Amino acid sequence: MIEKPSVGEAFELEWFKSSYSSSGDGNDCVEVAKALDAVCIRDSKDLQGPRLAVAPAAWAGFVAYAALAGR
């Protein structure tokens, strides 16, 4: 049986926080990392917790929607 590594197991992801994500508490935000074929999202308060992986096109659509909603 061949098992594919889950997102983040094959290599170390480089996580970053959006400057818009903070609500005054520097630890209260969402972090994002680029993987080979996905964009990964996690809660900065739970670094070892669950991660969401979405296709780059889905992430781009979300960011575009969020930018319009924030106006």
N, C-alpha and C. Protein backbone atom coordinates (compact mmCIF):
# COMPACT_ATOMS: atom_id res chain seq x y z
N MET A 1 0.84 -1.18 0.00
CA MET A 1 0.00 0.00 0.00
C MET A 1 0.89 1.24 0.00
N ILE A 2 0.55 2.19 -0.81
CA ILE A 2 1.29 3.45 -0.89
C ILE A 2 0.49 4.51 -0.17
N GLU A 3 1.14 5.18 0.77
CA GLU A 3 0.48 6.28 1.49
C GLU A 3 1.13 7.59 1.09
N LYS A 4 0.31 8.55 0.76
CA LYS A 4 0.82 9.88 0.47
C LYS A 4 0.90 10.65 1.77
N PRO A 5 1.98 11.41 1.98
CA PRO A 5 2.06 12.20 3.21
C PRO A 5 0.99 13.27 3.22
N SER A 6 0.47 13.56 4.40
CA SER A 6 -0.53 14.62 4.49
C SER A 6 0.15 15.97 4.33
N VAL A 7 -0.65 16.98 4.11
CA VAL A 7 -0.11 18.32 3.91
C VAL A 7 0.75 18.71 5.11
N GLY A 8 1.97 19.11 4.84
CA GLY A 8 2.85 19.56 5.90
C GLY A 8 3.77 18.48 6.42
N GLU A 9 3.51 17.19 6.12
CA GLU A 9 4.39 16.14 6.60
C GLU A 9 5.61 15.97 5.71
N ALA A 10 5.45 16.17 4.41
CA ALA A 10 6.55 15.95 3.48
C ALA A 10 7.60 17.04 3.58
N PHE A 11 7.23 18.21 4.03
CA PHE A 11 8.15 19.33 4.18
C PHE A 11 7.57 20.30 5.20
N GLU A 12 8.40 21.14 5.71
CA GLU A 12 7.95 22.12 6.71
C GLU A 12 7.28 23.30 5.99
N LEU A 13 6.08 23.60 6.40
CA LEU A 13 5.36 24.74 5.82
C LEU A 13 5.85 26.03 6.45
N GLU A 14 5.85 27.09 5.67
CA GLU A 14 6.20 28.42 6.17
C GLU A 14 4.91 29.21 6.37
N TRP A 15 4.51 29.35 7.63
CA TRP A 15 3.23 29.99 7.98
C TRP A 15 3.42 31.49 8.12
N PHE A 16 2.40 32.25 7.75
CA PHE A 16 2.41 33.69 7.97
C PHE A 16 1.01 34.16 8.36
N LYS A 17 0.98 35.31 9.02
CA LYS A 17 -0.28 35.90 9.47
C LYS A 17 -0.58 37.15 8.65
N SER A 18 -1.83 37.36 8.38
CA SER A 18 -2.26 38.57 7.70
C SER A 18 -2.22 39.74 8.68
N SER A 19 -1.80 40.88 8.21
CA SER A 19 -1.82 42.07 9.05
C SER A 19 -3.25 42.50 9.38
N TYR A 20 -4.22 42.03 8.62
CA TYR A 20 -5.62 42.35 8.86
C TYR A 20 -6.29 41.37 9.82
N SER A 21 -5.62 40.29 10.15
CA SER A 21 -6.23 39.22 10.93
C SER A 21 -6.28 39.51 12.42
N SER A 22 -5.43 40.34 12.93
CA SER A 22 -5.34 40.59 14.37
C SER A 22 -6.52 41.41 14.87
N SER A 23 -7.02 41.01 16.03
CA SER A 23 -8.10 41.76 16.67
C SER A 23 -7.58 42.46 17.91
N GLY A 24 -6.32 42.85 17.89
CA GLY A 24 -5.70 43.48 19.06
C GLY A 24 -4.84 42.51 19.83
N ASP A 25 -5.19 41.23 19.79
CA ASP A 25 -4.39 40.18 20.43
C ASP A 25 -3.57 39.52 19.34
N GLY A 26 -2.26 39.65 19.40
CA GLY A 26 -1.37 39.12 18.37
C GLY A 26 -1.48 37.63 18.15
N ASN A 27 -2.05 36.90 19.09
CA ASN A 27 -2.19 35.45 18.94
C ASN A 27 -3.56 35.04 18.45
N ASP A 28 -4.43 35.99 18.20
CA ASP A 28 -5.81 35.70 17.82
C ASP A 28 -5.98 35.91 16.32
N CYS A 29 -5.47 34.96 15.52
CA CYS A 29 -5.60 35.15 14.09
C CYS A 29 -5.47 33.83 13.34
N VAL A 30 -5.63 33.93 12.06
CA VAL A 30 -5.51 32.80 11.16
C VAL A 30 -4.14 32.88 10.50
N GLU A 31 -3.51 31.73 10.30
CA GLU A 31 -2.24 31.68 9.60
C GLU A 31 -2.43 30.90 8.31
N VAL A 32 -1.65 31.24 7.30
CA VAL A 32 -1.75 30.63 5.98
C VAL A 32 -0.36 30.19 5.53
N ALA A 33 -0.30 29.09 4.80
CA ALA A 33 0.96 28.61 4.22
C ALA A 33 0.68 28.02 2.85
N LYS A 34 1.63 28.18 1.93
CA LYS A 34 1.51 27.58 0.61
C LYS A 34 2.15 26.20 0.64
N ALA A 35 1.43 25.22 0.12
CA ALA A 35 1.97 23.88 -0.08
C ALA A 35 2.13 23.68 -1.59
N LEU A 36 2.57 22.51 -1.99
CA LEU A 36 2.80 22.27 -3.42
C LEU A 36 1.56 22.49 -4.27
N ASP A 37 0.43 21.97 -3.82
CA ASP A 37 -0.80 22.07 -4.62
C ASP A 37 -1.99 22.53 -3.81
N ALA A 38 -1.72 23.25 -2.71
CA ALA A 38 -2.81 23.69 -1.84
C ALA A 38 -2.39 24.92 -1.05
N VAL A 39 -3.38 25.58 -0.51
CA VAL A 39 -3.15 26.65 0.47
C VAL A 39 -3.67 26.11 1.79
N CYS A 40 -2.84 26.15 2.82
CA CYS A 40 -3.18 25.59 4.13
C CYS A 40 -3.53 26.72 5.09
N ILE A 41 -4.53 26.47 5.92
CA ILE A 41 -5.01 27.46 6.87
C ILE A 41 -5.08 26.80 8.24
N ARG A 42 -4.65 27.54 9.29
CA ARG A 42 -4.73 27.02 10.65
C ARG A 42 -5.01 28.15 11.63
N ASP A 43 -5.43 27.79 12.82
CA ASP A 43 -5.68 28.72 13.92
C ASP A 43 -4.36 28.95 14.65
N SER A 44 -3.94 30.19 14.78
CA SER A 44 -2.65 30.49 15.41
C SER A 44 -2.62 30.12 16.89
N LYS A 45 -3.77 29.92 17.51
CA LYS A 45 -3.81 29.54 18.93
C LYS A 45 -3.61 28.04 19.12
N ASP A 46 -3.69 27.27 18.04
CA ASP A 46 -3.59 25.82 18.12
C ASP A 46 -2.69 25.33 16.98
N LEU A 47 -1.39 25.56 17.10
CA LEU A 47 -0.45 25.29 16.02
C LEU A 47 -0.40 23.82 15.61
N GLN A 48 -0.65 22.92 16.52
CA GLN A 48 -0.64 21.49 16.20
C GLN A 48 -2.03 20.95 15.88
N GLY A 49 -3.02 21.82 15.92
CA GLY A 49 -4.40 21.42 15.69
C GLY A 49 -4.70 21.17 14.22
N PRO A 50 -5.97 21.06 13.91
CA PRO A 50 -6.38 20.76 12.53
C PRO A 50 -6.00 21.87 11.56
N ARG A 51 -5.79 21.46 10.34
CA ARG A 51 -5.47 22.39 9.26
C ARG A 51 -6.45 22.16 8.13
N LEU A 52 -6.78 23.23 7.47
CA LEU A 52 -7.66 23.16 6.31
C LEU A 52 -6.79 23.38 5.08
N ALA A 53 -6.92 22.54 4.08
CA ALA A 53 -6.19 22.71 2.82
C ALA A 53 -7.20 22.89 1.70
N VAL A 54 -7.00 23.94 0.92
CA VAL A 54 -7.90 24.24 -0.20
C VAL A 54 -7.07 24.45 -1.46
N ALA A 55 -7.70 24.28 -2.59
CA ALA A 55 -7.04 24.53 -3.87
C ALA A 55 -6.69 26.01 -3.99
N PRO A 56 -5.57 26.32 -4.65
CA PRO A 56 -5.20 27.73 -4.81
C PRO A 56 -6.30 28.59 -5.43
N ALA A 57 -7.04 28.04 -6.38
CA ALA A 57 -8.13 28.82 -7.01
C ALA A 57 -9.24 29.13 -6.00
N ALA A 58 -9.54 28.18 -5.12
CA ALA A 58 -10.55 28.41 -4.08
C ALA A 58 -10.09 29.50 -3.13
N TRP A 59 -8.82 29.48 -2.76
CA TRP A 59 -8.28 30.50 -1.85
C TRP A 59 -8.33 31.87 -2.51
N ALA A 60 -7.95 31.94 -3.79
CA ALA A 60 -7.98 33.22 -4.51
C ALA A 60 -9.39 33.77 -4.56
N GLY A 61 -10.37 32.91 -4.78
CA GLY A 61 -11.76 33.35 -4.79
C GLY A 61 -12.21 33.86 -3.44
N PHE A 62 -11.79 33.18 -2.37
CA PHE A 62 -12.14 33.63 -1.02
C PHE A 62 -11.52 34.99 -0.72
N VAL A 63 -10.24 35.15 -1.04
CA VAL A 63 -9.56 36.43 -0.78
C VAL A 63 -10.23 37.56 -1.54
N ALA A 64 -10.59 37.32 -2.79
CA ALA A 64 -11.27 38.35 -3.59
C ALA A 64 -12.62 38.71 -2.97
N TYR A 65 -13.36 37.71 -2.53
CA TYR A 65 -14.66 37.95 -1.87
C TYR A 65 -14.47 38.73 -0.57
N ALA A 66 -13.49 38.32 0.24
CA ALA A 66 -13.26 39.00 1.51
C ALA A 66 -12.83 40.45 1.31
N ALA A 67 -12.06 40.71 0.26
CA ALA A 67 -11.64 42.07 -0.01
C ALA A 67 -12.84 42.95 -0.37
N LEU A 68 -13.77 42.42 -1.16
CA LEU A 68 -14.97 43.17 -1.50
C LEU A 68 -15.90 43.38 -0.32
N ALA A 69 -16.00 42.34 0.52
CA ALA A 69 -16.88 42.43 1.70
C ALA A 69 -16.34 43.41 2.71
N GLY A 70 -15.04 43.62 2.72
CA GLY A 70 -14.42 44.51 3.70
C GLY A 70 -14.48 45.98 3.33
N ARG A 71 -15.01 46.27 2.17
CA ARG A 71 -15.05 47.68 1.72
C ARG A 71 -16.15 48.44 2.39
